[in-house]
PDB file of N, CA and C in Angstrom:
ATOM      1  N   UNK A   1     119.868  66.035   6.921  1.00  0.00           N
ATOM      2  CA  UNK A   1     119.220  65.810   8.195  1.00  0.00           C
ATOM      3  C   UNK A   1     118.952  67.154   8.859  1.00  0.00           C
ATOM      4  N   UNK A   2     117.759  67.359   9.252  1.00  0.00           N
ATOM      5  CA  UNK A   2     117.391  68.598   9.907  1.00  0.00           C
ATOM      6  C   UNK A   2     117.697  68.487  11.397  1.00  0.00           C
ATOM      7  N   UNK A   3     118.317  69.518  11.931  1.00  0.00           N
ATOM      8  CA  UNK A   3     118.700  69.491  13.343  1.00  0.00           C
ATOM      9  C   UNK A   3     117.639  70.212  14.159  1.00  0.00           C
ATOM     10  N   UNK A   4     117.094  69.512  15.108  1.00  0.00           N
ATOM     11  CA  UNK A   4     116.086  70.114  15.983  1.00  0.00           C
ATOM     12  C   UNK A   4     116.764  70.898  17.093  1.00  0.00           C
ATOM     13  N   UNK A   5     116.047  71.824  17.662  1.00  0.00           N
ATOM     14  CA  UNK A   5     116.577  72.561  18.804  1.00  0.00           C
ATOM     15  C   UNK A   5     116.237  71.795  20.066  1.00  0.00           C
ATOM     16  N   UNK A   6     117.229  71.517  20.873  1.00  0.00           N
ATOM     17  CA  UNK A   6     117.044  70.752  22.096  1.00  0.00           C
ATOM     18  C   UNK A   6     116.782  71.701  23.252  1.00  0.00           C
ATOM     19  N   UNK A   7     115.909  71.326  24.130  1.00  0.00           N
ATOM     20  CA  UNK A   7     115.568  72.134  25.287  1.00  0.00           C
ATOM     21  C   UNK A   7     116.349  71.625  26.487  1.00  0.00           C
ATOM     22  N   UNK A   8     117.068  72.509  27.146  1.00  0.00           N
ATOM     23  CA  UNK A   8     117.824  72.137  28.333  1.00  0.00           C
ATOM     24  C   UNK A   8     117.073  72.619  29.548  1.00  0.00           C
ATOM     25  N   UNK A   9     116.871  71.729  30.496  1.00  0.00           N
ATOM     26  CA  UNK A   9     116.195  72.106  31.732  1.00  0.00           C
ATOM     27  C   UNK A   9     117.210  72.669  32.715  1.00  0.00           C
ATOM     28  N   UNK A  10     116.818  73.676  33.510  1.00  0.00           N
ATOM     29  CA  UNK A  10     117.736  74.184  34.515  1.00  0.00           C
ATOM     30  C   UNK A  10     117.990  73.108  35.569  1.00  0.00           C
ATOM     31  N   UNK A  11     119.216  73.073  36.050  1.00  0.00           N
ATOM     32  CA  UNK A  11     119.572  72.087  37.063  1.00  0.00           C
ATOM     33  C   UNK A  11     120.140  72.797  38.280  1.00  0.00           C
ATOM     34  N   UNK A  12     120.232  72.084  39.365  1.00  0.00           N
ATOM     35  CA  UNK A  12     120.862  72.653  40.558  1.00  0.00           C
ATOM     36  C   UNK A  12     122.363  72.643  40.381  1.00  0.00           C
ATOM     37  N   UNK A  13     123.004  73.598  40.963  1.00  0.00           N
ATOM     38  CA  UNK A  13     124.456  73.680  40.841  1.00  0.00           C
ATOM     39  C   UNK A  13     125.090  72.541  41.623  1.00  0.00           C
ATOM     40  N   UNK A  14     125.981  71.848  40.934  1.00  0.00           N
ATOM     41  CA  UNK A  14     126.732  70.782  41.597  1.00  0.00           C
ATOM     42  C   UNK A  14     128.182  71.225  41.664  1.00  0.00           C
ATOM     43  N   UNK A  15     129.051  70.301  41.885  1.00  0.00           N
ATOM     44  CA  UNK A  15     130.470  70.641  41.983  1.00  0.00           C
ATOM     45  C   UNK A  15     131.072  70.914  40.619  1.00  0.00           C
ATOM     46  N   UNK A  16     130.258  70.911  39.566  1.00  0.00           N
ATOM     47  CA  UNK A  16     130.747  71.182  38.225  1.00  0.00           C
ATOM     48  C   UNK A  16     130.725  69.920  37.395  1.00  0.00           C
ATOM     49  N   UNK A  17     130.872  70.081  36.108  1.00  0.00           N
ATOM     50  CA  UNK A  17     130.855  68.919  35.222  1.00  0.00           C
ATOM     51  C   UNK A  17     132.162  68.168  35.343  1.00  0.00           C
ATOM     52  N   UNK A  18     132.053  66.916  35.542  1.00  0.00           N
ATOM     53  CA  UNK A  18     133.220  66.058  35.583  1.00  0.00           C
ATOM     54  C   UNK A  18     133.051  64.949  34.579  1.00  0.00           C
ATOM     55  N   UNK A  19     133.989  64.087  34.514  1.00  0.00           N
ATOM     56  CA  UNK A  19     133.915  63.018  33.536  1.00  0.00           C
ATOM     57  C   UNK A  19     132.874  61.985  33.921  1.00  0.00           C
ATOM     58  N   UNK A  20     132.368  61.997  35.135  1.00  0.00           N
ATOM     59  CA  UNK A  20     131.354  61.035  35.548  1.00  0.00           C
ATOM     60  C   UNK A  20     129.937  61.532  35.305  1.00  0.00           C
ATOM     61  N   UNK A  21     129.787  62.629  34.572  1.00  0.00           N
ATOM     62  CA  UNK A  21     128.451  63.082  34.177  1.00  0.00           C
ATOM     63  C   UNK A  21     127.745  63.961  35.185  1.00  0.00           C
ATOM     64  N   UNK A  22     128.467  64.613  36.088  1.00  0.00           N
ATOM     65  CA  UNK A  22     127.786  65.531  36.996  1.00  0.00           C
ATOM     66  C   UNK A  22     127.227  66.695  36.186  1.00  0.00           C
ATOM     67  N   UNK A  23     126.220  67.345  36.703  1.00  0.00           N
ATOM     68  CA  UNK A  23     125.493  68.364  35.943  1.00  0.00           C
ATOM     69  C   UNK A  23     126.151  69.731  36.060  1.00  0.00           C
ATOM     70  N   UNK A  24     125.835  70.565  35.090  1.00  0.00           N
ATOM     71  CA  UNK A  24     126.297  71.952  35.110  1.00  0.00           C
ATOM     72  C   UNK A  24     125.112  72.856  35.336  1.00  0.00           C
ATOM     73  N   UNK A  25     125.370  73.982  35.922  1.00  0.00           N
ATOM     74  CA  UNK A  25     124.266  74.896  36.200  1.00  0.00           C
ATOM     75  C   UNK A  25     124.193  75.889  35.038  1.00  0.00           C
ATOM     76  N   UNK A  26     123.265  75.685  34.170  1.00  0.00           N
ATOM     77  CA  UNK A  26     123.031  76.553  33.023  1.00  0.00           C
ATOM     78  C   UNK A  26     121.554  76.889  32.979  1.00  0.00           C
ATOM     79  N   UNK A  27     121.236  78.084  32.549  1.00  0.00           N
ATOM     80  CA  UNK A  27     119.824  78.484  32.441  1.00  0.00           C
ATOM     81  C   UNK A  27     119.153  77.668  31.348  1.00  0.00           C
ATOM     82  N   UNK A  28     117.842  77.545  31.444  1.00  0.00           N
ATOM     83  CA  UNK A  28     117.105  76.826  30.400  1.00  0.00           C
ATOM     84  C   UNK A  28     117.250  77.610  29.109  1.00  0.00           C
ATOM     85  N   UNK A  29     117.660  76.905  28.057  1.00  0.00           N
ATOM     86  CA  UNK A  29     117.868  77.559  26.776  1.00  0.00           C
ATOM     87  C   UNK A  29     117.791  76.544  25.658  1.00  0.00           C
ATOM     88  N   UNK A  30     117.583  77.021  24.469  1.00  0.00           N
ATOM     89  CA  UNK A  30     117.576  76.143  23.303  1.00  0.00           C
ATOM     90  C   UNK A  30     118.994  76.084  22.750  1.00  0.00           C
ATOM     91  N   UNK A  31     119.447  74.898  22.445  1.00  0.00           N
ATOM     92  CA  UNK A  31     120.760  74.731  21.831  1.00  0.00           C
ATOM     93  C   UNK A  31     120.532  74.574  20.347  1.00  0.00           C
ATOM     94  N   UNK A  32     121.185  75.410  19.556  1.00  0.00           N
ATOM     95  CA  UNK A  32     120.997  75.391  18.109  1.00  0.00           C
ATOM     96  C   UNK A  32     121.833  74.325  17.432  1.00  0.00           C
ATOM     97  N   UNK A  33     122.181  74.541  16.167  1.00  0.00           N
ATOM     98  CA  UNK A  33     122.930  73.536  15.415  1.00  0.00           C
ATOM     99  C   UNK A  33     124.367  73.366  15.903  1.00  0.00           C
ATOM    100  N   UNK A  34     124.865  74.319  16.651  1.00  0.00           N
ATOM    101  CA  UNK A  34     126.202  74.223  17.239  1.00  0.00           C
ATOM    102  C   UNK A  34     126.087  74.381  18.746  1.00  0.00           C
ATOM    103  N   UNK A  35     126.908  73.643  19.470  1.00  0.00           N
ATOM    104  CA  UNK A  35     126.846  73.706  20.930  1.00  0.00           C
ATOM    105  C   UNK A  35     128.236  73.527  21.509  1.00  0.00           C
ATOM    106  N   UNK A  36     128.376  73.915  22.785  1.00  0.00           N
ATOM    107  CA  UNK A  36     129.635  73.776  23.504  1.00  0.00           C
ATOM    108  C   UNK A  36     129.443  72.764  24.622  1.00  0.00           C
ATOM    109  N   UNK A  37     130.400  71.833  24.702  1.00  0.00           N
ATOM    110  CA  UNK A  37     130.444  70.875  25.803  1.00  0.00           C
ATOM    111  C   UNK A  37     131.203  71.567  26.929  1.00  0.00           C
ATOM    112  N   UNK A  38     130.498  71.964  27.988  1.00  0.00           N
ATOM    113  CA  UNK A  38     131.135  72.759  29.040  1.00  0.00           C
ATOM    114  C   UNK A  38     132.052  71.927  29.931  1.00  0.00           C
ATOM    115  N   UNK A  39     132.010  70.600  29.812  1.00  0.00           N
ATOM    116  CA  UNK A  39     132.908  69.768  30.609  1.00  0.00           C
ATOM    117  C   UNK A  39     134.362  69.979  30.201  1.00  0.00           C
ATOM    118  N   UNK A  40     134.600  70.120  28.897  1.00  0.00           N
ATOM    119  CA  UNK A  40     135.973  70.329  28.432  1.00  0.00           C
ATOM    120  C   UNK A  40     136.083  71.487  27.440  1.00  0.00           C
ATOM    121  N   UNK A  41     135.023  72.290  27.336  1.00  0.00           N
ATOM    122  CA  UNK A  41     135.013  73.511  26.529  1.00  0.00           C
ATOM    123  C   UNK A  41     135.218  73.235  25.036  1.00  0.00           C
ATOM    124  N   UNK A  42     134.730  72.094  24.542  1.00  0.00           N
ATOM    125  CA  UNK A  42     134.838  71.783  23.114  1.00  0.00           C
ATOM    126  C   UNK A  42     133.588  72.267  22.386  1.00  0.00           C
ATOM    127  N   UNK A  43     133.796  72.764  21.181  1.00  0.00           N
ATOM    128  CA  UNK A  43     132.718  73.240  20.333  1.00  0.00           C
ATOM    129  C   UNK A  43     132.398  72.156  19.321  1.00  0.00           C
ATOM    130  N   UNK A  44     131.118  71.900  19.078  1.00  0.00           N
ATOM    131  CA  UNK A  44     130.754  70.860  18.125  1.00  0.00           C
ATOM    132  C   UNK A  44     129.442  71.148  17.439  1.00  0.00           C
ATOM    133  N   UNK A  45     129.214  70.404  16.373  1.00  0.00           N
ATOM    134  CA  UNK A  45     127.963  70.485  15.633  1.00  0.00           C
ATOM    135  C   UNK A  45     127.029  69.420  16.176  1.00  0.00           C
ATOM    136  N   UNK A  46     125.776  69.790  16.426  1.00  0.00           N
ATOM    137  CA  UNK A  46     124.813  68.827  16.949  1.00  0.00           C
ATOM    138  C   UNK A  46     124.483  67.848  15.832  1.00  0.00           C
ATOM    139  N   UNK A  47     124.804  66.564  16.059  1.00  0.00           N
ATOM    140  CA  UNK A  47     124.600  65.531  15.056  1.00  0.00           C
ATOM    141  C   UNK A  47     123.299  64.773  15.280  1.00  0.00           C
ATOM    142  N   UNK A  48     122.835  64.708  16.506  1.00  0.00           N
ATOM    143  CA  UNK A  48     121.610  63.989  16.802  1.00  0.00           C
ATOM    144  C   UNK A  48     121.501  63.684  18.278  1.00  0.00           C
ATOM    145  N   UNK A  49     120.563  62.776  18.580  1.00  0.00           N
ATOM    146  CA  UNK A  49     120.331  62.406  19.966  1.00  0.00           C
ATOM    147  C   UNK A  49     120.273  60.893  20.054  1.00  0.00           C
ATOM    148  N   UNK A  50     121.011  60.326  20.986  1.00  0.00           N
ATOM    149  CA  UNK A  50     121.001  58.886  21.210  1.00  0.00           C
ATOM    150  C   UNK A  50     120.692  58.664  22.678  1.00  0.00           C
ATOM    151  N   UNK A  51     119.573  58.015  22.944  1.00  0.00           N
ATOM    152  CA  UNK A  51     119.162  57.836  24.332  1.00  0.00           C
ATOM    153  C   UNK A  51     118.885  59.192  24.944  1.00  0.00           C
ATOM    154  N   UNK A  52     119.459  59.442  26.089  1.00  0.00           N
ATOM    155  CA  UNK A  52     119.285  60.722  26.760  1.00  0.00           C
ATOM    156  C   UNK A  52     120.424  61.681  26.512  1.00  0.00           C
ATOM    157  N   UNK A  53     121.307  61.367  25.589  1.00  0.00           N
ATOM    158  CA  UNK A  53     122.480  62.204  25.349  1.00  0.00           C
ATOM    159  C   UNK A  53     122.442  62.817  23.951  1.00  0.00           C
ATOM    160  N   UNK A  54     123.099  63.968  23.822  1.00  0.00           N
ATOM    161  CA  UNK A  54     123.216  64.662  22.543  1.00  0.00           C
ATOM    162  C   UNK A  54     124.571  64.300  21.954  1.00  0.00           C
ATOM    163  N   UNK A  55     124.599  64.019  20.648  1.00  0.00           N
ATOM    164  CA  UNK A  55     125.862  63.728  19.989  1.00  0.00           C
ATOM    165  C   UNK A  55     126.382  64.990  19.327  1.00  0.00           C
ATOM    166  N   UNK A  56     127.637  65.320  19.629  1.00  0.00           N
ATOM    167  CA  UNK A  56     128.311  66.450  18.996  1.00  0.00           C
ATOM    168  C   UNK A  56     129.438  65.922  18.124  1.00  0.00           C
ATOM    169  N   UNK A  57     129.635  66.584  16.994  1.00  0.00           N
ATOM    170  CA  UNK A  57     130.744  66.249  16.106  1.00  0.00           C
ATOM    171  C   UNK A  57     131.652  67.446  15.964  1.00  0.00           C
ATOM    172  N   UNK A  58     132.969  67.241  15.960  1.00  0.00           N
ATOM    173  CA  UNK A  58     133.887  68.376  15.803  1.00  0.00           C
ATOM    174  C   UNK A  58     133.699  69.062  14.454  1.00  0.00           C
ATOM    175  N   UNK A  59     133.891  70.363  14.402  1.00  0.00           N
ATOM    176  CA  UNK A  59     133.678  71.113  13.169  1.00  0.00           C
ATOM    177  C   UNK A  59     134.646  70.700  12.071  1.00  0.00           C
ATOM    178  N   UNK A  60     135.842  70.298  12.430  1.00  0.00           N
ATOM    179  CA  UNK A  60     136.838  69.906  11.437  1.00  0.00           C
ATOM    180  C   UNK A  60     136.777  68.436  11.066  1.00  0.00           C
ATOM    181  N   UNK A  61     135.772  67.729  11.519  1.00  0.00           N
ATOM    182  CA  UNK A  61     135.662  66.301  11.257  1.00  0.00           C
ATOM    183  C   UNK A  61     136.265  65.502  12.400  1.00  0.00           C
ATOM    184  N   UNK A  62     135.952  64.243  12.444  1.00  0.00           N
ATOM    185  CA  UNK A  62     136.452  63.384  13.510  1.00  0.00           C
ATOM    186  C   UNK A  62     135.301  62.668  14.193  1.00  0.00           C
ATOM    187  N   UNK A  63     135.633  61.880  15.192  1.00  0.00           N
ATOM    188  CA  UNK A  63     134.593  61.091  15.862  1.00  0.00           C
ATOM    189  C   UNK A  63     133.658  61.960  16.707  1.00  0.00           C
ATOM    190  N   UNK A  64     132.383  61.581  16.684  1.00  0.00           N
ATOM    191  CA  UNK A  64     131.383  62.259  17.513  1.00  0.00           C
ATOM    192  C   UNK A  64     131.573  61.849  18.966  1.00  0.00           C
ATOM    193  N   UNK A  65     131.059  62.679  19.861  1.00  0.00           N
ATOM    194  CA  UNK A  65     131.072  62.318  21.273  1.00  0.00           C
ATOM    195  C   UNK A  65     129.722  62.635  21.882  1.00  0.00           C
ATOM    196  N   UNK A  66     129.382  61.914  22.930  1.00  0.00           N
ATOM    197  CA  UNK A  66     128.095  62.078  23.605  1.00  0.00           C
ATOM    198  C   UNK A  66     128.211  63.047  24.763  1.00  0.00           C
ATOM    199  N   UNK A  67     127.185  63.878  24.918  1.00  0.00           N
ATOM    200  CA  UNK A  67     127.166  64.880  25.975  1.00  0.00           C
ATOM    201  C   UNK A  67     125.807  64.836  26.670  1.00  0.00           C
ATOM    202  N   UNK A  68     125.784  64.797  28.003  1.00  0.00           N
ATOM    203  CA  UNK A  68     124.497  64.911  28.698  1.00  0.00           C
ATOM    204  C   UNK A  68     123.910  66.301  28.432  1.00  0.00           C
ATOM    205  N   UNK A  69     122.602  66.393  28.251  1.00  0.00           N
ATOM    206  CA  UNK A  69     121.992  67.691  27.935  1.00  0.00           C
ATOM    207  C   UNK A  69     122.301  68.780  28.961  1.00  0.00           C
ATOM    208  N   UNK A  70     122.509  68.387  30.230  1.00  0.00           N
ATOM    209  CA  UNK A  70     122.792  69.390  31.260  1.00  0.00           C
ATOM    210  C   UNK A  70     124.167  70.030  31.073  1.00  0.00           C
ATOM    211  N   UNK A  71     125.029  69.411  30.314  1.00  0.00           N
ATOM    212  CA  UNK A  71     126.390  69.917  30.144  1.00  0.00           C
ATOM    213  C   UNK A  71     126.591  70.573  28.784  1.00  0.00           C
ATOM    214  N   UNK A  72     125.500  71.006  28.155  1.00  0.00           N
ATOM    215  CA  UNK A  72     125.576  71.716  26.882  1.00  0.00           C
ATOM    216  C   UNK A  72     125.321  73.197  27.094  1.00  0.00           C
ATOM    217  N   UNK A  73     125.981  73.987  26.302  1.00  0.00           N
ATOM    218  CA  UNK A  73     125.760  75.418  26.306  1.00  0.00           C
ATOM    219  C   UNK A  73     125.653  75.862  24.854  1.00  0.00           C
ATOM    220  N   UNK A  74     124.883  76.877  24.594  1.00  0.00           N
ATOM    221  CA  UNK A  74     124.718  77.377  23.240  1.00  0.00           C
ATOM    222  C   UNK A  74     126.028  78.005  22.765  1.00  0.00           C
ATOM    223  N   UNK A  75     126.402  77.741  21.522  1.00  0.00           N
ATOM    224  CA  UNK A  75     127.615  78.319  20.947  1.00  0.00           C
ATOM    225  C   UNK A  75     127.248  79.610  20.230  1.00  0.00           C
ATOM    226  N   UNK A  76     127.941  80.679  20.564  1.00  0.00           N
ATOM    227  CA  UNK A  76     127.699  81.965  19.916  1.00  0.00           C
ATOM    228  C   UNK A  76     128.190  81.904  18.468  1.00  0.00           C
ATOM    229  N   UNK A  77     127.531  82.633  17.555  1.00  0.00           N
ATOM    230  CA  UNK A  77     127.980  82.634  16.155  1.00  0.00           C
ATOM    231  C   UNK A  77     129.441  83.051  16.000  1.00  0.00           C
ATOM    232  N   UNK A  78     129.909  83.964  16.848  1.00  0.00           N
ATOM    233  CA  UNK A  78     131.306  84.398  16.774  1.00  0.00           C
ATOM    234  C   UNK A  78     132.257  83.249  17.126  1.00  0.00           C
ATOM    235  N   UNK A  79     131.867  82.404  18.075  1.00  0.00           N
ATOM    236  CA  UNK A  79     132.699  81.251  18.437  1.00  0.00           C
ATOM    237  C   UNK A  79     132.788  80.248  17.297  1.00  0.00           C
ATOM    238  N   UNK A  80     131.660  80.013  16.631  1.00  0.00           N
ATOM    239  CA  UNK A  80     131.641  79.082  15.499  1.00  0.00           C
ATOM    240  C   UNK A  80     132.503  79.628  14.369  1.00  0.00           C
ATOM    241  N   UNK A  81     132.350  80.907  14.070  1.00  0.00           N
ATOM    242  CA  UNK A  81     133.153  81.530  13.020  1.00  0.00           C
ATOM    243  C   UNK A  81     134.641  81.463  13.363  1.00  0.00           C
ATOM    244  N   UNK A  82     134.997  81.761  14.609  1.00  0.00           N
ATOM    245  CA  UNK A  82     136.395  81.709  15.044  1.00  0.00           C
ATOM    246  C   UNK A  82     136.987  80.312  14.844  1.00  0.00           C
ATOM    247  N   UNK A  83     136.221  79.289  15.196  1.00  0.00           N
ATOM    248  CA  UNK A  83     136.696  77.905  15.046  1.00  0.00           C
ATOM    249  C   UNK A  83     136.855  77.540  13.575  1.00  0.00           C
ATOM    250  N   UNK A  84     135.912  77.960  12.739  1.00  0.00           N
ATOM    251  CA  UNK A  84     136.015  77.657  11.312  1.00  0.00           C
ATOM    252  C   UNK A  84     137.224  78.347  10.682  1.00  0.00           C
ATOM    253  N   UNK A  85     137.466  79.593  11.044  1.00  0.00           N
ATOM    254  CA  UNK A  85     138.633  80.318  10.523  1.00  0.00           C
ATOM    255  C   UNK A  85     139.925  79.654  11.004  1.00  0.00           C
ATOM    256  N   UNK A  86     139.954  79.223  12.260  1.00  0.00           N
ATOM    257  CA  UNK A  86     141.137  78.544  12.787  1.00  0.00           C
ATOM    258  C   UNK A  86     141.426  77.270  11.996  1.00  0.00           C
ATOM    259  N   UNK A  87     140.383  76.500  11.690  1.00  0.00           N
ATOM    260  CA  UNK A  87     140.556  75.263  10.926  1.00  0.00           C
ATOM    261  C   UNK A  87     141.029  75.546   9.504  1.00  0.00           C
ATOM    262  N   UNK A  88     140.464  76.584   8.858  1.00  0.00           N
ATOM    263  CA  UNK A  88     140.900  76.950   7.511  1.00  0.00           C
ATOM    264  C   UNK A  88     142.359  77.413   7.506  1.00  0.00           C
ATOM    265  N   UNK A  89     142.731  78.219   8.487  1.00  0.00           N
ATOM    266  CA  UNK A  89     144.115  78.683   8.578  1.00  0.00           C
ATOM    267  C   UNK A  89     145.079  77.515   8.769  1.00  0.00           C
ATOM    268  N   UNK A  90     144.678  76.544   9.589  1.00  0.00           N
ATOM    269  CA  UNK A  90     145.532  75.374   9.819  1.00  0.00           C
ATOM    270  C   UNK A  90     145.703  74.585   8.520  1.00  0.00           C
ATOM    271  N   UNK A  91     144.628  74.437   7.745  1.00  0.00           N
ATOM    272  CA  UNK A  91     144.701  73.704   6.478  1.00  0.00           C
ATOM    273  C   UNK A  91     145.612  74.419   5.481  1.00  0.00           C
ATOM    274  N   UNK A  92     145.485  75.728   5.372  1.00  0.00           N
ATOM    275  CA  UNK A  92     146.338  76.499   4.461  1.00  0.00           C
ATOM    276  C   UNK A  92     147.788  76.394   4.899  1.00  0.00           C
ATOM    277  N   UNK A  93     148.043  76.487   6.194  1.00  0.00           N
ATOM    278  CA  UNK A  93     149.407  76.397   6.707  1.00  0.00           C
ATOM    279  C   UNK A  93     150.019  75.032   6.381  1.00  0.00           C
ATOM    280  N   UNK A  94     149.247  73.984   6.485  1.00  0.00           N
ATOM    281  CA  UNK A  94     149.735  72.631   6.150  1.00  0.00           C
ATOM    282  C   UNK A  94     150.085  72.547   4.667  1.00  0.00           C
ATOM    283  N   UNK A  95     149.239  73.125   3.807  1.00  0.00           N
ATOM    284  CA  UNK A  95     149.526  73.102   2.374  1.00  0.00           C
ATOM    285  C   UNK A  95     150.787  73.877   2.045  1.00  0.00           C
ATOM    286  N   UNK A  96     150.993  75.009   2.723  1.00  0.00           N
ATOM    287  CA  UNK A  96     152.194  75.817   2.484  1.00  0.00           C
ATOM    288  C   UNK A  96     153.435  75.037   2.929  1.00  0.00           C
ATOM    289  N   UNK A  97     153.362  74.369   4.035  1.00  0.00           N
ATOM    290  CA  UNK A  97     154.513  73.611   4.523  1.00  0.00           C
ATOM    291  C   UNK A  97     154.852  72.424   3.614  1.00  0.00           C
ATOM    292  N   UNK A  98     153.839  71.788   3.031  1.00  0.00           N
ATOM    293  CA  UNK A  98     154.079  70.654   2.144  1.00  0.00           C
ATOM    294  C   UNK A  98     154.592  71.085   0.786  1.00  0.00           C
ATOM    295  N   UNK A  99     154.354  72.344   0.437  1.00  0.00           N
ATOM    296  CA  UNK A  99     154.869  72.904  -0.804  1.00  0.00           C
ATOM    297  C   UNK A  99     154.051  72.591  -1.936  1.00  0.00           C
TER     298      UNK A  99
END
């Protein structure tokens, strides 16, 4: 599946992103194949779009979650690399502990 770049429109600053979907103030930017949910600072892979929301999936696997486009931020390549290394280190550590 090819991931399209989503366009985020600038919004007015509100009291911040909350669980009720309030908007975040981010400049207009394209979100690539990886994005950050600024409501809880989670990094995810863009899986698709359902309705008006973007679906993100965790890099290490797990259930996808929906994010309003206003609450997305572009993930820097260094952040993606850091998360992937963290997941690999955790997997190796688990194997070492199991013997």
